[in-house]
PDB file of N, CA and C in Angstrom:
ATOM      1  N   UNK A   1     -23.411   9.118  17.022  1.00  0.00           N
ATOM      2  CA  UNK A   1     -22.369   8.535  17.845  1.00  0.00           C
ATOM      3  C   UNK A   1     -21.420   9.643  18.276  1.00  0.00           C
ATOM      4  N   UNK A   2     -21.175   9.738  19.557  1.00  0.00           N
ATOM      5  CA  UNK A   2     -20.276  10.746  20.116  1.00  0.00           C
ATOM      6  C   UNK A   2     -18.832  10.296  19.912  1.00  0.00           C
ATOM      7  N   UNK A   3     -18.103  11.008  19.029  1.00  0.00           N
ATOM      8  CA  UNK A   3     -16.731  10.613  18.711  1.00  0.00           C
ATOM      9  C   UNK A   3     -15.800  10.754  19.909  1.00  0.00           C
ATOM     10  N   UNK A   4     -16.029  11.757  20.750  1.00  0.00           N
ATOM     11  CA  UNK A   4     -15.171  11.933  21.922  1.00  0.00           C
ATOM     12  C   UNK A   4     -15.284  10.742  22.870  1.00  0.00           C
ATOM     13  N   UNK A   5     -16.504  10.278  23.075  1.00  0.00           N
ATOM     14  CA  UNK A   5     -16.722   9.120  23.945  1.00  0.00           C
ATOM     15  C   UNK A   5     -16.096   7.867  23.331  1.00  0.00           C
ATOM     16  N   UNK A   6     -16.249   7.716  22.013  1.00  0.00           N
ATOM     17  CA  UNK A   6     -15.642   6.578  21.322  1.00  0.00           C
ATOM     18  C   UNK A   6     -14.125   6.638  21.436  1.00  0.00           C
ATOM     19  N   UNK A   7     -13.551   7.820  21.241  1.00  0.00           N
ATOM     20  CA  UNK A   7     -12.105   7.989  21.342  1.00  0.00           C
ATOM     21  C   UNK A   7     -11.619   7.640  22.742  1.00  0.00           C
ATOM     22  N   UNK A   8     -12.308   8.108  23.768  1.00  0.00           N
ATOM     23  CA  UNK A   8     -11.915   7.800  25.146  1.00  0.00           C
ATOM     24  C   UNK A   8     -11.947   6.301  25.398  1.00  0.00           C
ATOM     25  N   UNK A   9     -12.986   5.633  24.923  1.00  0.00           N
ATOM     26  CA  UNK A   9     -13.122   4.190  25.125  1.00  0.00           C
ATOM     27  C   UNK A   9     -12.003   3.431  24.418  1.00  0.00           C
ATOM     28  N   UNK A  10     -11.738   3.782  23.162  1.00  0.00           N
ATOM     29  CA  UNK A  10     -10.711   3.083  22.394  1.00  0.00           C
ATOM     30  C   UNK A  10      -9.329   3.372  22.979  1.00  0.00           C
ATOM     31  N   UNK A  11      -9.065   4.616  23.381  1.00  0.00           N
ATOM     32  CA  UNK A  11      -7.776   4.949  23.994  1.00  0.00           C
ATOM     33  C   UNK A  11      -7.553   4.139  25.261  1.00  0.00           C
ATOM     34  N   UNK A  12      -8.576   4.006  26.095  1.00  0.00           N
ATOM     35  CA  UNK A  12      -8.408   3.229  27.334  1.00  0.00           C
ATOM     36  C   UNK A  12      -8.204   1.750  27.025  1.00  0.00           C
ATOM     37  N   UNK A  13      -8.849   1.250  25.970  1.00  0.00           N
ATOM     38  CA  UNK A  13      -8.654  -0.141  25.574  1.00  0.00           C
ATOM     39  C   UNK A  13      -7.211  -0.361  25.109  1.00  0.00           C
ATOM     40  N   UNK A  14      -6.682   0.574  24.333  1.00  0.00           N
ATOM     41  CA  UNK A  14      -5.314   0.452  23.829  1.00  0.00           C
ATOM     42  C   UNK A  14      -4.314   0.568  24.972  1.00  0.00           C
ATOM     43  N   UNK A  15      -4.525   1.531  25.867  1.00  0.00           N
ATOM     44  CA  UNK A  15      -3.596   1.738  26.972  1.00  0.00           C
ATOM     45  C   UNK A  15      -3.581   0.566  27.938  1.00  0.00           C
ATOM     46  N   UNK A  16      -4.692  -0.135  28.065  1.00  0.00           N
ATOM     47  CA  UNK A  16      -4.732  -1.280  28.974  1.00  0.00           C
ATOM     48  C   UNK A  16      -4.225  -2.560  28.308  1.00  0.00           C
ATOM     49  N   UNK A  17      -3.918  -2.483  27.024  1.00  0.00           N
ATOM     50  CA  UNK A  17      -3.417  -3.644  26.295  1.00  0.00           C
ATOM     51  C   UNK A  17      -2.046  -4.057  26.828  1.00  0.00           C
ATOM     52  N   UNK A  18      -1.811  -5.357  26.882  1.00  0.00           N
ATOM     53  CA  UNK A  18      -0.525  -5.867  27.370  1.00  0.00           C
ATOM     54  C   UNK A  18       0.447  -6.125  26.228  1.00  0.00           C
ATOM     55  N   UNK A  19       0.013  -5.886  25.007  1.00  0.00           N
ATOM     56  CA  UNK A  19       0.869  -6.142  23.851  1.00  0.00           C
ATOM     57  C   UNK A  19       1.929  -5.061  23.727  1.00  0.00           C
ATOM     58  N   UNK A  20       3.069  -5.382  23.126  1.00  0.00           N
ATOM     59  CA  UNK A  20       4.142  -4.416  22.884  1.00  0.00           C
ATOM     60  C   UNK A  20       4.435  -4.383  21.397  1.00  0.00           C
ATOM     61  N   UNK A  21       4.352  -3.257  20.710  1.00  0.00           N
ATOM     62  CA  UNK A  21       3.818  -1.985  21.199  1.00  0.00           C
ATOM     63  C   UNK A  21       2.321  -2.112  21.438  1.00  0.00           C
ATOM     64  N   UNK A  22       1.788  -1.217  22.204  1.00  0.00           N
ATOM     65  CA  UNK A  22       0.377  -1.311  22.584  1.00  0.00           C
ATOM     66  C   UNK A  22      -0.531  -1.078  21.378  1.00  0.00           C
ATOM     67  N   UNK A  23      -1.393  -2.038  21.135  1.00  0.00           N
ATOM     68  CA  UNK A  23      -2.389  -1.920  20.079  1.00  0.00           C
ATOM     69  C   UNK A  23      -3.613  -2.707  20.482  1.00  0.00           C
ATOM     70  N   UNK A  24      -4.692  -2.533  19.734  1.00  0.00           N
ATOM     71  CA  UNK A  24      -5.936  -3.199  20.081  1.00  0.00           C
ATOM     72  C   UNK A  24      -6.710  -3.526  18.819  1.00  0.00           C
ATOM     73  N   UNK A  25      -7.260  -4.708  18.768  1.00  0.00           N
ATOM     74  CA  UNK A  25      -8.228  -5.062  17.745  1.00  0.00           C
ATOM     75  C   UNK A  25      -9.586  -4.700  18.308  1.00  0.00           C
ATOM     76  N   UNK A  26     -10.299  -3.831  17.628  1.00  0.00           N
ATOM     77  CA  UNK A  26     -11.568  -3.333  18.145  1.00  0.00           C
ATOM     78  C   UNK A  26     -12.716  -4.088  17.489  1.00  0.00           C
ATOM     79  N   UNK A  27     -13.550  -4.708  18.320  1.00  0.00           N
ATOM     80  CA  UNK A  27     -14.742  -5.378  17.819  1.00  0.00           C
ATOM     81  C   UNK A  27     -15.855  -4.332  17.735  1.00  0.00           C
ATOM     82  N   UNK A  28     -16.196  -3.956  16.511  1.00  0.00           N
ATOM     83  CA  UNK A  28     -17.217  -2.925  16.342  1.00  0.00           C
ATOM     84  C   UNK A  28     -18.573  -3.378  16.877  1.00  0.00           C
ATOM     85  N   UNK A  29     -18.831  -4.673  16.825  1.00  0.00           N
ATOM     86  CA  UNK A  29     -20.103  -5.194  17.333  1.00  0.00           C
ATOM     87  C   UNK A  29     -20.176  -5.027  18.850  1.00  0.00           C
ATOM     88  N   UNK A  30     -19.090  -5.359  19.552  1.00  0.00           N
ATOM     89  CA  UNK A  30     -19.085  -5.226  21.009  1.00  0.00           C
ATOM     90  C   UNK A  30     -19.162  -3.766  21.432  1.00  0.00           C
ATOM     91  N   UNK A  31     -18.419  -2.892  20.756  1.00  0.00           N
ATOM     92  CA  UNK A  31     -18.446  -1.472  21.096  1.00  0.00           C
ATOM     93  C   UNK A  31     -19.834  -0.894  20.800  1.00  0.00           C
ATOM     94  N   UNK A  32     -20.432  -1.306  19.696  1.00  0.00           N
ATOM     95  CA  UNK A  32     -21.780  -0.848  19.355  1.00  0.00           C
ATOM     96  C   UNK A  32     -22.776  -1.304  20.421  1.00  0.00           C
ATOM     97  N   UNK A  33     -22.600  -2.509  20.919  1.00  0.00           N
ATOM     98  CA  UNK A  33     -23.457  -3.024  21.994  1.00  0.00           C
ATOM     99  C   UNK A  33     -23.337  -2.163  23.253  1.00  0.00           C
ATOM    100  N   UNK A  34     -22.113  -1.771  23.584  1.00  0.00           N
ATOM    101  CA  UNK A  34     -21.877  -0.952  24.774  1.00  0.00           C
ATOM    102  C   UNK A  34     -22.573   0.396  24.643  1.00  0.00           C
ATOM    103  N   UNK A  35     -22.462   1.021  23.453  1.00  0.00           N
ATOM    104  CA  UNK A  35     -23.035   2.341  23.241  1.00  0.00           C
ATOM    105  C   UNK A  35     -24.494   2.319  22.806  1.00  0.00           C
ATOM    106  N   UNK A  36     -25.001   1.150  22.449  1.00  0.00           N
ATOM    107  CA  UNK A  36     -26.390   1.044  22.018  1.00  0.00           C
ATOM    108  C   UNK A  36     -26.630   1.632  20.633  1.00  0.00           C
ATOM    109  N   UNK A  37     -25.655   1.466  19.747  1.00  0.00           N
ATOM    110  CA  UNK A  37     -25.775   1.964  18.374  1.00  0.00           C
ATOM    111  C   UNK A  37     -25.503   0.821  17.408  1.00  0.00           C
ATOM    112  N   UNK A  38     -25.599   1.112  16.112  1.00  0.00           N
ATOM    113  CA  UNK A  38     -25.313   0.096  15.092  1.00  0.00           C
ATOM    114  C   UNK A  38     -23.802  -0.010  14.871  1.00  0.00           C
ATOM    115  N   UNK A  39     -23.301  -1.200  14.553  1.00  0.00           N
ATOM    116  CA  UNK A  39     -21.863  -1.378  14.293  1.00  0.00           C
ATOM    117  C   UNK A  39     -21.337  -0.470  13.178  1.00  0.00           C
ATOM    118  N   UNK A  40     -22.189  -0.155  12.199  1.00  0.00           N
ATOM    119  CA  UNK A  40     -21.771   0.719  11.103  1.00  0.00           C
ATOM    120  C   UNK A  40     -21.403   2.115  11.624  1.00  0.00           C
ATOM    121  N   UNK A  41     -22.124   2.587  12.643  1.00  0.00           N
ATOM    122  CA  UNK A  41     -21.833   3.891  13.228  1.00  0.00           C
ATOM    123  C   UNK A  41     -20.465   3.886  13.914  1.00  0.00           C
ATOM    124  N   UNK A  42     -20.142   2.778  14.581  1.00  0.00           N
ATOM    125  CA  UNK A  42     -18.842   2.655  15.240  1.00  0.00           C
ATOM    126  C   UNK A  42     -17.735   2.625  14.194  1.00  0.00           C
ATOM    127  N   UNK A  43     -17.935   1.854  13.119  1.00  0.00           N
ATOM    128  CA  UNK A  43     -16.940   1.785  12.041  1.00  0.00           C
ATOM    129  C   UNK A  43     -16.705   3.175  11.452  1.00  0.00           C
ATOM    130  N   UNK A  44     -17.777   3.902  11.204  1.00  0.00           N
ATOM    131  CA  UNK A  44     -17.661   5.253  10.645  1.00  0.00           C
ATOM    132  C   UNK A  44     -16.914   6.168  11.617  1.00  0.00           C
ATOM    133  N   UNK A  45     -17.237   6.070  12.901  1.00  0.00           N
ATOM    134  CA  UNK A  45     -16.562   6.877  13.910  1.00  0.00           C
ATOM    135  C   UNK A  45     -15.075   6.570  13.993  1.00  0.00           C
ATOM    136  N   UNK A  46     -14.714   5.295  13.924  1.00  0.00           N
ATOM    137  CA  UNK A  46     -13.302   4.905  13.949  1.00  0.00           C
ATOM    138  C   UNK A  46     -12.570   5.425  12.714  1.00  0.00           C
ATOM    139  N   UNK A  47     -13.219   5.329  11.551  1.00  0.00           N
ATOM    140  CA  UNK A  47     -12.608   5.845  10.324  1.00  0.00           C
ATOM    141  C   UNK A  47     -12.362   7.343  10.428  1.00  0.00           C
ATOM    142  N   UNK A  48     -13.316   8.079  11.009  1.00  0.00           N
ATOM    143  CA  UNK A  48     -13.163   9.523  11.177  1.00  0.00           C
ATOM    144  C   UNK A  48     -12.025   9.839  12.145  1.00  0.00           C
ATOM    145  N   UNK A  49     -11.903   9.062  13.225  1.00  0.00           N
ATOM    146  CA  UNK A  49     -10.834   9.290  14.192  1.00  0.00           C
ATOM    147  C   UNK A  49      -9.463   9.033  13.572  1.00  0.00           C
ATOM    148  N   UNK A  50      -9.383   8.031  12.700  1.00  0.00           N
ATOM    149  CA  UNK A  50      -8.124   7.751  11.996  1.00  0.00           C
ATOM    150  C   UNK A  50      -7.827   8.889  11.019  1.00  0.00           C
ATOM    151  N   UNK A  51      -8.850   9.336  10.281  1.00  0.00           N
ATOM    152  CA  UNK A  51      -8.662  10.420   9.307  1.00  0.00           C
ATOM    153  C   UNK A  51      -8.239  11.718   9.988  1.00  0.00           C
ATOM    154  N   UNK A  52      -8.739  11.963  11.202  1.00  0.00           N
ATOM    155  CA  UNK A  52      -8.409  13.187  11.935  1.00  0.00           C
ATOM    156  C   UNK A  52      -7.086  13.074  12.688  1.00  0.00           C
ATOM    157  N   UNK A  53      -6.483  11.888  12.695  1.00  0.00           N
ATOM    158  CA  UNK A  53      -5.169  11.712  13.301  1.00  0.00           C
ATOM    159  C   UNK A  53      -5.187  11.357  14.780  1.00  0.00           C
ATOM    160  N   UNK A  54      -6.340  11.053  15.332  1.00  0.00           N
ATOM    161  CA  UNK A  54      -6.417  10.682  16.749  1.00  0.00           C
ATOM    162  C   UNK A  54      -5.980   9.244  16.988  1.00  0.00           C
ATOM    163  N   UNK A  55      -6.120   8.411  15.954  1.00  0.00           N
ATOM    164  CA  UNK A  55      -5.721   7.002  16.025  1.00  0.00           C
ATOM    165  C   UNK A  55      -4.953   6.642  14.759  1.00  0.00           C
ATOM    166  N   UNK A  56      -4.142   5.604  14.857  1.00  0.00           N
ATOM    167  CA  UNK A  56      -3.490   5.021  13.687  1.00  0.00           C
ATOM    168  C   UNK A  56      -4.097   3.658  13.463  1.00  0.00           C
ATOM    169  N   UNK A  57      -4.217   3.280  12.202  1.00  0.00           N
ATOM    170  CA  UNK A  57      -4.756   1.970  11.869  1.00  0.00           C
ATOM    171  C   UNK A  57      -3.714   1.205  11.080  1.00  0.00           C
ATOM    172  N   UNK A  58      -3.595  -0.085  11.378  1.00  0.00           N
ATOM    173  CA  UNK A  58      -2.645  -0.942  10.692  1.00  0.00           C
ATOM    174  C   UNK A  58      -3.274  -2.326  10.573  1.00  0.00           C
ATOM    175  N   UNK A  59      -2.534  -3.236   9.962  1.00  0.00           N
ATOM    176  CA  UNK A  59      -3.006  -4.608   9.813  1.00  0.00           C
ATOM    177  C   UNK A  59      -1.911  -5.529  10.329  1.00  0.00           C
ATOM    178  N   UNK A  60      -2.297  -6.570  11.039  1.00  0.00           N
ATOM    179  CA  UNK A  60      -1.316  -7.530  11.540  1.00  0.00           C
ATOM    180  C   UNK A  60      -0.616  -8.224  10.382  1.00  0.00           C
ATOM    181  N   UNK A  61       0.691  -8.461  10.546  1.00  0.00           N
ATOM    182  CA  UNK A  61       1.483  -9.101   9.507  1.00  0.00           C
ATOM    183  C   UNK A  61       1.313 -10.610   9.460  1.00  0.00           C
ATOM    184  N   UNK A  62       0.820 -11.179  10.547  1.00  0.00           N
ATOM    185  CA  UNK A  62       0.651 -12.629  10.612  1.00  0.00           C
ATOM    186  C   UNK A  62      -0.810 -12.956  10.908  1.00  0.00           C
ATOM    187  N   UNK A  63      -1.199 -14.187  10.678  1.00  0.00           N
ATOM    188  CA  UNK A  63      -2.590 -14.545  10.937  1.00  0.00           C
ATOM    189  C   UNK A  63      -2.980 -14.187  12.355  1.00  0.00           C
ATOM    190  N   UNK A  64      -4.128 -13.687  12.573  1.00  0.00           N
ATOM    191  CA  UNK A  64      -5.342 -13.650  11.768  1.00  0.00           C
ATOM    192  C   UNK A  64      -5.514 -12.393  10.914  1.00  0.00           C
ATOM    193  N   UNK A  65      -4.489 -11.585  10.720  1.00  0.00           N
ATOM    194  CA  UNK A  65      -4.506 -10.419   9.835  1.00  0.00           C
ATOM    195  C   UNK A  65      -5.609  -9.405  10.160  1.00  0.00           C
ATOM    196  N   UNK A  66      -5.898  -9.215  11.445  1.00  0.00           N
ATOM    197  CA  UNK A  66      -6.915  -8.252  11.864  1.00  0.00           C
ATOM    198  C   UNK A  66      -6.424  -6.820  11.672  1.00  0.00           C
ATOM    199  N   UNK A  67      -7.380  -5.908  11.516  1.00  0.00           N
ATOM    200  CA  UNK A  67      -7.061  -4.487  11.560  1.00  0.00           C
ATOM    201  C   UNK A  67      -6.851  -4.119  13.018  1.00  0.00           C
ATOM    202  N   UNK A  68      -5.805  -3.335  13.290  1.00  0.00           N
ATOM    203  CA  UNK A  68      -5.509  -2.946  14.653  1.00  0.00           C
ATOM    204  C   UNK A  68      -5.460  -1.425  14.752  1.00  0.00           C
ATOM    205  N   UNK A  69      -5.661  -0.925  15.945  1.00  0.00           N
ATOM    206  CA  UNK A  69      -5.606   0.512  16.191  1.00  0.00           C
ATOM    207  C   UNK A  69      -4.531   0.803  17.213  1.00  0.00           C
ATOM    208  N   UNK A  70      -3.765   1.871  16.954  1.00  0.00           N
ATOM    209  CA  UNK A  70      -2.681   2.296  17.835  1.00  0.00           C
ATOM    210  C   UNK A  70      -2.851   3.765  18.147  1.00  0.00           C
ATOM    211  N   UNK A  71      -2.229   4.213  19.232  1.00  0.00           N
ATOM    212  CA  UNK A  71      -2.219   5.634  19.535  1.00  0.00           C
ATOM    213  C   UNK A  71      -1.103   6.281  18.737  1.00  0.00           C
ATOM    214  N   UNK A  72      -1.324   7.508  18.243  1.00  0.00           N
ATOM    215  CA  UNK A  72      -0.277   8.171  17.446  1.00  0.00           C
ATOM    216  C   UNK A  72       0.969   8.492  18.256  1.00  0.00           C
TER     217      UNK A  72
END
């Protein structure tokens, strides 16, 4: 999985979000479908991007308590 391509896709998804502050819940299954890879590869790529500081990860405080991604 190309991390740069994944980062570009997730960044554009976050930037196009209408939420304030801008964040996005990323469906690993849908992103994996777009790239033609397994969802586990997308999850691993997202974890690496968070570890490298390209993205921030948080959890919603209210239901549905999804993991969300933000730009640093």
